Amino acid sequence: MVALATSYVGAAISIVKGIVLVPMYLDAFGVDVYGAWLASANVVGLLAMFDVGISAVVAQRLATQWGAADRESFARTTAAAVPLVLVVFVAMAGVGVAVAARVPQWIQAPADSHAALSLTFAMTAVGAAGALALGNVLAVPSAWQRTEIAAAARLGGQIVDIVVIVVGLLSGLGVTALGLGSVASAVVGLGIALVWSVSAWRSLGLPFQWAPWGEVLAFVRLVLPNTVSRIALQIGANVEVAFVSALISPTAAAVYALTDRTLRVAMGFVTPIANSVMSALSHFHGEKGAAQMATPVRELLAIWAFVVSATIPVVIVINADFIGLWVGGDQFGGTLLNVLLGAAGMLGARELVSATVLTASGKIRESAFIATLEVGVRVPATFFALHAFGVLGMPIASGLVSVLFLVIYGYAINDSLGLRGSTALRLHASGATAALVGLGLAAAEAAWLPATHSWPAFLLKASLVGLLHLATASALQPTGRRAIWARLAARLPRRAAA
């Protein structure tokens, strides 16, 4: 629960960078450069393919080994992963710096912004490499269930990022302030994680050792099945804005991204449900076995359904009003795009939960294969849908592909957990009613409710809509609501005693 709460605080901080500061960005370097920067950020995302699957394997293996009380294997796995993490960091940062000068041309950025965008891209690539290394380092304390270490490292880095960006913008650095913030965030986050994790390692009496090259190579062979899927996932996750920028224009990319931005922020309260439980589910798998995982998975899906039906529909309803007050109504992509993006986001979040469950149950190869196959379908589907339907094609393709692969993940999970018949059907269908009702209500409200033209009116509308959807989610998904409350209540006595 601490990991989930930390993710939510991090999502709230991300609102500052992704929404609150956007008017400052537009004032500092304009909508065309902002759109180009968003597209270049997608290219930075592609560099994460250098992870080659290490992160998922390290997190799952360490959590499973610690859950099984196998301290010797835990220490060996950590030692074998260290050189690979270092190689990935150097490779990702090096390639990012090497290609930085060409990126502005690839995304059709304004000519007078090329130098600044190149420098920003290079710094952001280094920062992203540091963030990837941070995720691998935090797999160790996460396996110990020491969530406070991950919380301090991630939140500390995010706060420093915001401070550096604001100071840089006020100092006239322009778009390069964003790259500087990325580097500062990685340095602070890694510093906190390394110092605290090493101290905790000593206190647990674990040995410091260098893994023989034979064990490093064995770990590489373990990672290889996940390599192609990681590369494919990074391509699939980072083509949308880049496609719009390259095939239409940076300005169109900015409008698309701004329409999607508040929904992405809302997704920041949904996707952590899957991300925060990877170590806990893997720990459970190591301790109890896959056959006993159905109960925590059922509870996980109930929590997902409650949160997604209480958040995404609200943002769909208020998105147009917010963007109009925030940066101007001409930056909103339209109600249909808005609703389709929300629906695609819901499906994508549910798919992430399925992938997490399959990986945590030890089916790393199967999860990697499905993810690779999906991207092989998603990228061409997105490309052709963009040509056929314009920007509306993006969420249409995304949603349809997610539905197809939710079915595939479902069959794989059934096989892994030993689920059959109506038991399996009830598990995978749980939460669908709450999500569909929330989406339907949101589409009607977005189309028919009157627009607001002042912040007080907007806040009143947002509050009323939020209460409506919270009540709807509570009524249709009481299991998820009770599960969240039970975890919060269970922590209160310990907090009070502390």
Protein backbone atom coordinates (compact mmCIF):
# COMPACT_ATOMS: atom_id res chain seq x y z
CA MET A 1 0.00 0.00 0.00
CA VAL A 2 2.96 2.32 0.67
CA ALA A 3 4.22 1.68 -2.87
CA LEU A 4 0.81 2.56 -4.28
CA ALA A 5 0.53 5.69 -2.11
CA THR A 6 4.03 6.74 -3.20
CA SER A 7 3.04 6.28 -6.83
CA TYR A 8 0.01 8.49 -6.28
CA VAL A 9 2.11 11.22 -4.66
CA GLY A 10 4.51 10.93 -7.59
CA ALA A 11 1.58 11.24 -9.99
CA ALA A 12 0.46 14.37 -8.15
CA ILE A 13 3.96 15.85 -8.50
CA SER A 14 3.89 14.93 -12.19
CA ILE A 15 0.79 17.09 -12.53
CA VAL A 16 2.98 20.07 -11.70
CA LYS A 17 5.47 19.25 -14.45
CA GLY A 18 2.97 17.97 -17.00
CA ILE A 19 0.11 20.44 -16.50
CA VAL A 20 0.73 23.31 -14.08
CA LEU A 21 3.99 24.37 -15.73
CA VAL A 22 2.77 24.04 -19.33
CA PRO A 23 1.70 27.72 -19.58
CA MET A 24 5.25 28.62 -18.52
CA TYR A 25 6.60 26.36 -21.26
CA LEU A 26 4.39 27.97 -23.90
CA ASP A 27 5.40 31.44 -22.75
CA ALA A 28 9.08 30.50 -22.71
CA PHE A 29 9.42 28.75 -26.08
CA GLY A 30 6.02 28.56 -27.86
CA VAL A 31 3.61 25.82 -28.89
CA ASP A 32 5.63 24.66 -31.92
CA VAL A 33 8.80 24.08 -29.87
CA TYR A 34 6.71 22.50 -27.12
CA GLY A 35 5.20 20.07 -29.63
CA ALA A 36 8.66 19.30 -31.00
CA TRP A 37 9.94 18.69 -27.47
CA LEU A 38 7.08 16.26 -26.80
CA ALA A 39 7.95 14.39 -29.99
CA SER A 40 11.65 14.32 -29.04
CA ALA A 41 10.65 12.96 -25.62
CA ASN A 42 9.08 10.02 -27.48
CA VAL A 43 12.46 9.43 -29.15
CA VAL A 44 14.06 9.46 -25.69
CA GLY A 45 11.49 6.86 -24.68
CA LEU A 46 12.68 4.67 -27.54
CA LEU A 47 16.17 4.67 -26.01
CA ALA A 48 14.76 2.73 -23.06
CA MET A 49 14.93 -0.32 -25.33
CA PHE A 50 18.53 -0.52 -24.08
CA ASP A 51 17.07 -1.93 -20.89
CA VAL A 52 16.81 -5.20 -22.89
CA GLY A 53 14.45 -6.68 -20.31
CA ILE A 54 16.72 -6.44 -17.27
CA SER A 55 14.28 -4.48 -15.13
CA ALA A 56 11.40 -6.96 -15.25
CA VAL A 57 13.63 -9.99 -14.72
CA VAL A 58 15.57 -8.42 -11.83
CA ALA A 59 12.39 -7.29 -10.04
CA GLN A 60 10.64 -10.64 -10.44
CA ARG A 61 13.65 -12.82 -9.56
CA LEU A 62 14.75 -10.84 -6.52
CA ALA A 63 11.25 -10.63 -5.07
CA THR A 64 10.65 -14.36 -5.63
CA GLN A 65 14.01 -15.34 -4.10
CA TRP A 66 13.54 -13.13 -1.06
CA GLY A 67 9.99 -14.43 -0.60
CA ALA A 68 11.42 -17.97 -0.64
CA ALA A 69 14.09 -16.94 1.95
CA ASP A 70 16.86 -17.84 -0.52
CA ARG A 71 19.40 -15.20 0.56
CA GLU A 72 22.30 -16.80 -1.27
CA SER A 73 20.53 -16.71 -4.65
CA PHE A 74 19.32 -13.18 -3.90
CA ALA A 75 22.90 -11.96 -3.40
CA ARG A 76 24.13 -13.79 -6.52
CA THR A 77 21.35 -12.38 -8.71
CA THR A 78 22.08 -8.85 -7.49
CA ALA A 79 25.80 -9.26 -8.15
CA ALA A 80 25.16 -10.64 -11.65
CA ALA A 81 22.81 -7.74 -12.51
CA VAL A 82 25.19 -4.93 -11.48
CA PRO A 83 27.54 -5.03 -14.52
CA LEU A 84 24.59 -5.29 -16.89
CA VAL A 85 22.93 -2.24 -15.32
CA LEU A 86 26.15 -0.26 -15.73
CA VAL A 87 26.52 -1.31 -19.39
CA VAL A 88 22.92 -0.36 -20.14
CA PHE A 89 23.35 3.07 -18.51
CA VAL A 90 26.50 3.87 -20.54
CA ALA A 91 24.99 2.58 -23.80
CA MET A 92 21.69 4.44 -23.45
CA ALA A 93 23.29 7.74 -22.43
CA GLY A 94 26.01 7.44 -25.10
CA VAL A 95 23.63 6.76 -27.97
CA GLY A 96 21.33 9.56 -26.80
CA VAL A 97 24.18 12.07 -26.86
CA ALA A 98 25.43 10.76 -30.21
CA VAL A 99 22.10 11.17 -32.04
CA ALA A 100 21.00 14.39 -30.31
CA ALA A 101 22.06 16.65 -33.18
CA ARG A 102 19.84 14.79 -35.66
CA VAL A 103 16.65 14.50 -33.63
CA PRO A 104 15.26 18.01 -34.36
CA GLN A 105 15.42 17.26 -38.11
CA TRP A 106 13.66 13.90 -37.67
CA ILE A 107 10.68 15.51 -35.90
CA GLN A 108 10.50 18.58 -38.19
CA ALA A 109 11.25 21.03 -35.37
CA PRO A 110 11.43 24.76 -36.15
CA ALA A 111 14.87 25.54 -37.58
CA ASP A 112 15.75 28.18 -34.98
CA SER A 113 15.16 25.70 -32.14
CA HIS A 114 17.48 22.93 -33.35
CA ALA A 115 20.47 23.79 -31.15
CA ALA A 116 18.43 24.12 -27.96
CA LEU A 117 16.42 20.96 -28.67
CA SER A 118 19.58 18.98 -29.42
CA LEU A 119 21.12 19.97 -26.09
CA THR A 120 17.85 19.26 -24.28
CA PHE A 121 17.58 15.85 -25.93
CA ALA A 122 21.13 14.91 -24.93
CA MET A 123 20.57 15.89 -21.29
CA THR A 124 17.17 14.18 -21.20
CA ALA A 125 18.70 11.00 -22.59
CA VAL A 126 21.32 10.99 -19.82
CA GLY A 127 18.61 11.65 -17.26
CA ALA A 128 16.43 8.86 -18.68
CA ALA A 129 19.39 6.45 -18.52
CA GLY A 130 19.83 7.41 -14.88
CA ALA A 131 16.12 6.88 -14.22
CA LEU A 132 16.33 3.42 -15.79
CA ALA A 133 19.31 2.58 -13.58
CA LEU A 134 17.35 3.86 -10.58
CA GLY A 135 14.51 1.45 -11.35
CA ASN A 136 16.96 -1.47 -11.37
CA VAL A 137 18.60 -0.38 -8.12
CA LEU A 138 15.22 -0.06 -6.42
CA ALA A 139 14.36 -3.67 -7.30
CA VAL A 140 16.59 -4.67 -4.36
CA PRO A 141 14.83 -2.74 -1.53
CA SER A 142 11.46 -3.46 -3.16
CA ALA A 143 12.16 -7.18 -2.79
CA TRP A 144 12.79 -6.55 0.92
CA GLN A 145 9.43 -4.72 1.05
CA ARG A 146 11.42 -1.60 2.07
CA THR A 147 9.13 0.71 0.14
CA GLU A 148 10.30 3.82 1.99
CA ILE A 149 13.62 3.66 0.11
CA ALA A 150 11.92 3.72 -3.27
CA ALA A 151 9.58 6.46 -2.05
CA ALA A 152 12.41 8.75 -0.94
CA ALA A 153 14.48 8.18 -4.09
CA ARG A 154 11.66 8.65 -6.59
CA LEU A 155 9.91 11.55 -4.88
CA GLY A 156 13.19 13.29 -4.06
CA GLY A 157 14.22 13.13 -7.70
CA GLN A 158 10.84 14.39 -8.91
CA ILE A 159 10.88 17.37 -6.56
CA VAL A 160 14.40 18.34 -7.64
CA ASP A 161 13.30 18.04 -11.28
CA ILE A 162 10.48 20.57 -10.72
CA VAL A 163 12.71 23.00 -8.82
CA VAL A 164 15.45 22.94 -11.46
CA ILE A 165 12.95 23.42 -14.32
CA VAL A 166 11.25 26.41 -12.66
CA VAL A 167 14.56 28.06 -11.79
CA GLY A 168 15.85 27.39 -15.31
CA LEU A 169 12.76 28.86 -17.00
CA LEU A 170 12.83 31.95 -14.79
CA SER A 171 16.54 32.32 -15.61
CA GLY A 172 15.84 32.33 -19.35
CA LEU A 173 17.22 28.87 -20.22
CA GLY A 174 14.16 28.05 -22.31
CA VAL A 175 13.58 24.44 -23.32
CA THR A 176 17.02 23.37 -22.06
CA ALA A 177 15.71 23.78 -18.50
CA LEU A 178 13.72 20.57 -19.07
CA GLY A 179 16.84 18.58 -19.89
CA LEU A 180 18.73 20.02 -16.94
CA GLY A 181 15.89 19.01 -14.63
CA SER A 182 16.01 15.45 -15.97
CA VAL A 183 19.72 15.11 -15.20
CA ALA A 184 19.36 16.60 -11.71
CA SER A 185 16.45 14.28 -10.94
CA ALA A 186 18.44 11.17 -11.88
CA VAL A 187 21.48 12.23 -9.86
CA VAL A 188 19.46 12.90 -6.70
CA GLY A 189 17.30 9.77 -7.04
CA LEU A 190 20.27 7.47 -7.64
CA GLY A 191 22.21 9.06 -4.79
CA ILE A 192 19.40 8.45 -2.29
CA ALA A 193 18.74 4.91 -3.52
CA LEU A 194 22.38 3.78 -3.51
CA VAL A 195 23.30 5.20 -0.10
CA TRP A 196 20.19 3.87 1.64
CA SER A 197 20.22 0.48 -0.10
CA VAL A 198 23.89 -0.16 0.69
CA SER A 199 23.26 0.69 4.32
CA ALA A 200 20.27 -1.66 4.48
CA TRP A 201 22.28 -4.40 2.73
CA ARG A 202 24.95 -4.16 5.45
CA SER A 203 22.36 -4.25 8.24
CA LEU A 204 20.87 -7.46 6.79
CA GLY A 205 24.28 -9.09 6.78
CA LEU A 206 24.26 -9.81 3.05
CA PRO A 207 27.65 -10.36 1.38
CA PHE A 208 29.23 -7.85 -0.98
CA GLN A 209 30.57 -9.82 -3.92
CA TRP A 210 31.41 -9.67 -7.59
CA ALA A 211 29.67 -12.30 -9.63
CA PRO A 212 31.88 -14.59 -11.76
CA TRP A 213 31.49 -13.95 -15.46
CA GLY A 214 29.85 -17.33 -15.80
CA GLU A 215 26.98 -16.19 -13.57
CA VAL A 216 26.74 -12.87 -15.42
CA LEU A 217 26.44 -14.75 -18.71
CA ALA A 218 23.84 -17.06 -17.16
CA PHE A 219 21.86 -14.00 -16.13
CA VAL A 220 22.17 -12.62 -19.67
CA ARG A 221 20.70 -15.87 -21.01
CA LEU A 222 17.85 -15.49 -18.51
CA VAL A 223 17.20 -11.94 -19.73
CA LEU A 224 17.40 -12.69 -23.46
CA PRO A 225 13.80 -13.92 -23.85
CA ASN A 226 12.66 -10.57 -22.52
CA THR A 227 15.01 -8.53 -24.72
CA VAL A 228 12.95 -8.46 -27.91
CA SER A 229 9.77 -7.72 -25.98
CA ARG A 230 11.35 -4.76 -24.18
CA ILE A 231 12.61 -3.30 -27.44
CA ALA A 232 9.21 -3.82 -29.02
CA LEU A 233 7.37 -2.31 -26.06
CA GLN A 234 9.47 0.84 -26.13
CA ILE A 235 8.80 1.26 -29.85
CA GLY A 236 5.08 0.71 -29.36
CA ALA A 237 4.82 3.05 -26.39
CA ASN A 238 6.67 5.95 -28.00
CA VAL A 239 5.39 6.31 -31.55
CA GLU A 240 2.13 8.21 -31.17
CA VAL A 241 3.24 11.83 -30.77
CA ALA A 242 6.28 11.21 -32.97
CA PHE A 243 4.00 9.84 -35.72
CA VAL A 244 1.70 12.86 -35.51
CA SER A 245 4.65 15.26 -35.56
CA ALA A 246 6.36 13.56 -38.50
CA LEU A 247 3.25 12.77 -40.58
CA ILE A 248 1.16 15.87 -39.82
CA SER A 249 3.03 18.64 -37.95
CA PRO A 250 4.60 19.53 -34.58
CA THR A 251 1.64 21.85 -33.90
CA ALA A 252 -0.83 18.98 -34.46
CA ALA A 253 1.34 16.85 -32.19
CA ALA A 254 1.07 19.51 -29.49
CA VAL A 255 -2.75 19.63 -29.77
CA TYR A 256 -2.96 15.84 -29.64
CA ALA A 257 -0.57 15.68 -26.67
CA LEU A 258 -2.34 18.46 -24.77
CA THR A 259 -5.72 16.75 -25.24
CA ASP A 260 -4.15 13.53 -24.01
CA ARG A 261 -2.11 15.18 -21.24
CA THR A 262 -4.74 15.39 -18.50
CA LEU A 263 -5.85 11.84 -19.31
CA ARG A 264 -2.25 10.71 -19.00
CA VAL A 265 -2.06 12.39 -15.62
CA ALA A 266 -5.22 10.58 -14.56
CA MET A 267 -3.68 7.34 -15.79
CA GLY A 268 -0.89 8.07 -13.35
CA PHE A 269 -3.40 7.15 -10.65
CA VAL A 270 -4.35 3.90 -12.41
CA THR A 271 -1.16 2.34 -13.82
CA PRO A 272 0.64 2.35 -10.42
CA ILE A 273 -1.89 -0.26 -9.29
CA ALA A 274 -0.08 -2.75 -11.51
CA ASN A 275 3.43 -1.35 -11.16
CA SER A 276 3.36 -1.15 -7.36
CA VAL A 277 2.34 -4.79 -6.84
CA MET A 278 4.93 -6.53 -9.05
CA SER A 279 7.32 -7.17 -6.15
CA ALA A 280 4.51 -8.08 -3.73
CA LEU A 281 2.91 -10.55 -6.17
CA SER A 282 6.29 -12.07 -7.03
CA HIS A 283 7.04 -12.35 -3.31
CA PHE A 284 3.68 -14.11 -2.83
CA HIS A 285 4.48 -16.42 -5.74
CA GLY A 286 7.82 -17.36 -4.20
CA GLU A 287 6.20 -18.03 -0.83
CA LYS A 288 2.87 -19.67 -1.79
CA GLY A 289 3.15 -20.72 -5.43
CA ALA A 290 1.16 -19.81 -8.55
CA ALA A 291 -1.84 -21.94 -7.61
CA GLN A 292 -2.57 -19.67 -4.63
CA MET A 293 -2.41 -16.40 -6.57
CA ALA A 294 -6.05 -16.21 -7.70
CA THR A 295 -7.22 -14.46 -4.52
CA PRO A 296 -4.72 -11.55 -4.57
CA VAL A 297 -5.22 -11.21 -8.35
CA ARG A 298 -8.99 -10.97 -7.89
CA GLU A 299 -8.49 -8.25 -5.29
CA LEU A 300 -6.03 -6.43 -7.55
CA LEU A 301 -8.57 -6.36 -10.38
CA ALA A 302 -11.26 -5.05 -8.02
CA ILE A 303 -9.00 -2.20 -6.92
CA TRP A 304 -8.16 -1.42 -10.55
CA ALA A 305 -11.85 -1.31 -11.51
CA PHE A 306 -12.75 1.03 -8.66
CA VAL A 307 -9.91 3.46 -9.32
CA VAL A 308 -10.28 3.52 -13.11
CA SER A 309 -14.05 4.09 -12.98
CA ALA A 310 -13.67 6.85 -10.39
CA THR A 311 -10.91 8.80 -12.20
CA ILE A 312 -10.79 8.47 -16.00
CA PRO A 313 -14.49 9.36 -16.59
CA VAL A 314 -14.10 12.53 -14.51
CA VAL A 315 -11.18 13.71 -16.63
CA ILE A 316 -13.07 12.95 -19.84
CA VAL A 317 -15.90 15.23 -18.67
CA ILE A 318 -13.76 18.19 -17.52
CA ASN A 319 -10.94 17.94 -20.06
CA ALA A 320 -12.27 20.46 -22.60
CA ASP A 321 -13.04 23.05 -19.91
CA PHE A 322 -9.65 22.57 -18.30
CA ILE A 323 -7.68 22.92 -21.53
CA GLY A 324 -9.71 25.99 -22.50
CA LEU A 325 -8.87 27.73 -19.21
CA TRP A 326 -5.35 26.33 -19.12
CA VAL A 327 -3.88 27.05 -22.57
CA GLY A 328 -6.86 28.03 -24.75
CA GLY A 329 -9.72 26.15 -26.37
CA ASP A 330 -7.91 25.97 -29.72
CA GLN A 331 -5.49 23.48 -28.15
CA PHE A 332 -8.28 20.92 -27.47
CA GLY A 333 -8.58 18.11 -30.00
CA GLY A 334 -12.36 17.64 -29.73
CA THR A 335 -14.88 15.60 -27.70
CA LEU A 336 -14.66 12.45 -29.82
CA LEU A 337 -10.86 12.30 -29.57
CA ASN A 338 -11.18 12.98 -25.84
CA VAL A 339 -13.60 10.08 -25.24
CA LEU A 340 -11.66 7.67 -27.45
CA LEU A 341 -8.42 8.50 -25.62
CA GLY A 342 -10.13 7.81 -22.29
CA ALA A 343 -11.46 4.44 -23.48
CA ALA A 344 -8.08 3.43 -24.89
CA GLY A 345 -6.42 4.45 -21.63
CA MET A 346 -8.78 2.26 -19.59
CA LEU A 347 -8.07 -0.74 -21.80
CA GLY A 348 -4.32 -0.12 -21.74
CA ALA A 349 -4.29 0.05 -17.95
CA ARG A 350 -6.22 -3.21 -17.69
CA GLU A 351 -3.76 -4.83 -20.08
CA LEU A 352 -0.85 -3.68 -17.90
CA VAL A 353 -2.46 -5.41 -14.92
CA SER A 354 -2.69 -8.65 -16.92
CA ALA A 355 0.94 -8.43 -18.01
CA THR A 356 2.03 -7.82 -14.41
CA VAL A 357 0.08 -10.82 -13.12
CA LEU A 358 1.54 -13.11 -15.80
CA THR A 359 5.11 -11.94 -15.14
CA ALA A 360 4.77 -12.14 -11.34
CA SER A 361 3.53 -15.74 -11.66
CA GLY A 362 6.90 -16.65 -13.15
CA LYS A 363 5.80 -16.73 -16.80
CA ILE A 364 8.44 -14.26 -17.97
CA ARG A 365 8.99 -15.87 -21.37
CA GLU A 366 5.28 -16.05 -22.11
CA SER A 367 4.73 -12.43 -21.07
CA ALA A 368 7.67 -11.33 -23.21
CA PHE A 369 6.37 -13.21 -26.24
CA ILE A 370 2.87 -11.72 -25.93
CA ALA A 371 4.26 -8.20 -25.51
CA THR A 372 6.46 -8.61 -28.59
CA LEU A 373 3.58 -9.95 -30.65
CA GLU A 374 1.39 -7.06 -29.54
CA VAL A 375 3.80 -4.37 -30.65
CA GLY A 376 4.16 -6.13 -33.97
CA VAL A 377 0.42 -5.56 -34.38
CA ARG A 378 0.12 -2.18 -32.63
CA VAL A 379 2.71 -0.16 -34.59
CA PRO A 380 1.42 -0.90 -38.11
CA ALA A 381 -2.18 -0.63 -36.88
CA THR A 382 -1.41 2.83 -35.46
CA PHE A 383 0.34 3.91 -38.64
CA PHE A 384 -2.49 2.86 -40.95
CA ALA A 385 -5.20 4.18 -38.58
CA LEU A 386 -3.47 7.56 -38.51
CA HIS A 387 -3.56 7.70 -42.31
CA ALA A 388 -7.19 6.55 -42.44
CA PHE A 389 -8.73 8.56 -39.61
CA GLY A 390 -6.20 11.27 -38.73
CA VAL A 391 -5.48 11.72 -35.04
CA LEU A 392 -8.68 9.81 -34.19
CA GLY A 393 -6.98 6.71 -35.54
CA MET A 394 -4.49 6.69 -32.66
CA PRO A 395 -6.92 5.76 -29.85
CA ILE A 396 -9.05 3.61 -32.19
CA ALA A 397 -6.09 1.41 -33.06
CA SER A 398 -4.85 1.37 -29.48
CA GLY A 399 -8.20 0.31 -28.05
CA LEU A 400 -8.85 -2.47 -30.57
CA VAL A 401 -5.35 -3.91 -30.16
CA SER A 402 -5.71 -3.85 -26.36
CA VAL A 403 -8.99 -5.78 -26.55
CA LEU A 404 -7.39 -8.47 -28.70
CA PHE A 405 -4.42 -8.90 -26.39
CA LEU A 406 -6.48 -8.82 -23.21
CA VAL A 407 -8.03 -12.03 -24.52
CA ILE A 408 -4.58 -13.51 -25.19
CA TYR A 409 -3.27 -12.51 -21.76
CA GLY A 410 -6.40 -14.00 -20.23
CA TYR A 411 -5.74 -17.44 -21.71
CA ALA A 412 -2.10 -17.30 -20.56
CA ILE A 413 -3.11 -16.32 -17.00
CA ASN A 414 -5.67 -19.11 -16.88
CA ASP A 415 -2.96 -21.60 -17.78
CA SER A 416 -0.51 -20.16 -15.24
CA LEU A 417 -2.91 -20.01 -12.30
CA GLY A 418 -4.88 -23.14 -13.17
CA LEU A 419 -8.17 -21.29 -13.74
CA ARG A 420 -10.98 -22.89 -15.68
CA GLY A 421 -14.56 -22.29 -16.82
CA SER A 422 -16.78 -19.83 -15.01
CA THR A 423 -14.12 -19.11 -12.38
CA ALA A 424 -11.77 -17.79 -15.04
CA LEU A 425 -14.53 -15.85 -16.80
CA ARG A 426 -15.65 -14.13 -13.60
CA LEU A 427 -12.07 -13.19 -12.78
CA HIS A 428 -11.32 -11.57 -16.14
CA ALA A 429 -14.71 -9.88 -16.48
CA SER A 430 -14.60 -8.37 -12.99
CA GLY A 431 -14.74 -4.61 -13.08
CA ALA A 432 -15.98 -4.38 -16.66
CA THR A 433 -19.44 -3.14 -15.67
CA ALA A 434 -18.10 -0.30 -13.52
CA ALA A 435 -15.66 0.80 -16.22
CA LEU A 436 -18.24 0.69 -19.05
CA VAL A 437 -20.92 2.54 -17.07
CA GLY A 438 -18.40 5.19 -16.05
CA LEU A 439 -17.24 5.62 -19.65
CA GLY A 440 -20.81 5.86 -20.98
CA LEU A 441 -21.82 8.47 -18.40
CA ALA A 442 -18.66 10.45 -19.13
CA ALA A 443 -19.30 10.51 -22.88
CA ALA A 444 -22.84 11.83 -22.34
CA GLU A 445 -21.71 14.44 -19.82
CA ALA A 446 -18.82 15.61 -22.03
CA ALA A 447 -21.22 16.11 -24.94
CA TRP A 448 -24.15 17.72 -23.11
CA LEU A 449 -22.98 19.53 -19.98
CA PRO A 450 -22.43 23.28 -20.48
CA ALA A 451 -18.87 24.57 -20.62
CA THR A 452 -17.36 26.63 -17.80
CA HIS A 453 -15.48 29.86 -18.42
CA SER A 454 -13.88 30.61 -15.05
CA TRP A 455 -11.82 28.65 -12.57
CA PRO A 456 -14.42 28.82 -9.74
CA ALA A 457 -17.11 27.46 -12.07
CA PHE A 458 -14.71 24.80 -13.33
CA LEU A 459 -13.85 23.68 -9.78
CA LEU A 460 -17.54 23.44 -8.89
CA LYS A 461 -18.27 21.37 -12.00
CA ALA A 462 -15.24 19.14 -11.42
CA SER A 463 -16.27 18.55 -7.79
CA LEU A 464 -19.85 17.60 -8.69
CA VAL A 465 -18.75 15.33 -11.53
CA GLY A 466 -16.11 13.75 -9.30
CA LEU A 467 -18.64 13.01 -6.56
CA LEU A 468 -21.04 11.50 -9.10
CA HIS A 469 -18.44 9.11 -10.49
CA LEU A 470 -17.04 8.26 -7.06
CA ALA A 471 -20.54 7.27 -5.95
CA THR A 472 -21.07 5.28 -9.16
CA ALA A 473 -17.77 3.43 -8.74
CA SER A 474 -18.54 2.71 -5.08
CA ALA A 475 -21.95 1.31 -5.95
CA LEU A 476 -20.78 -0.83 -8.87
CA GLN A 477 -17.42 -1.92 -7.45
CA PRO A 478 -17.81 -2.20 -3.64
CA THR A 479 -15.13 -4.90 -3.42
CA GLY A 480 -12.46 -2.55 -4.73
CA ARG A 481 -13.58 0.25 -2.43
CA ARG A 482 -13.52 -2.06 0.60
CA ALA A 483 -10.10 -3.45 -0.36
CA ILE A 484 -8.57 0.02 -0.54
CA TRP A 485 -10.16 1.10 2.74
CA ALA A 486 -9.08 -2.12 4.48
CA ARG A 487 -5.44 -1.49 3.56
CA LEU A 488 -5.58 2.09 4.71
CA ALA A 489 -7.27 1.12 7.97
CA ALA A 490 -4.79 -1.68 8.57
CA ARG A 491 -1.92 0.82 8.52
CA LEU A 492 -3.51 3.34 10.87
CA PRO A 493 -2.69 1.54 14.18
CA ARG A 494 0.97 1.12 13.16
CA ARG A 495 1.16 4.78 12.17
CA ALA A 496 -0.39 5.83 15.46
CA ALA A 497 1.93 3.58 17.44
CA ALA A 498 4.92 5.04 15.61
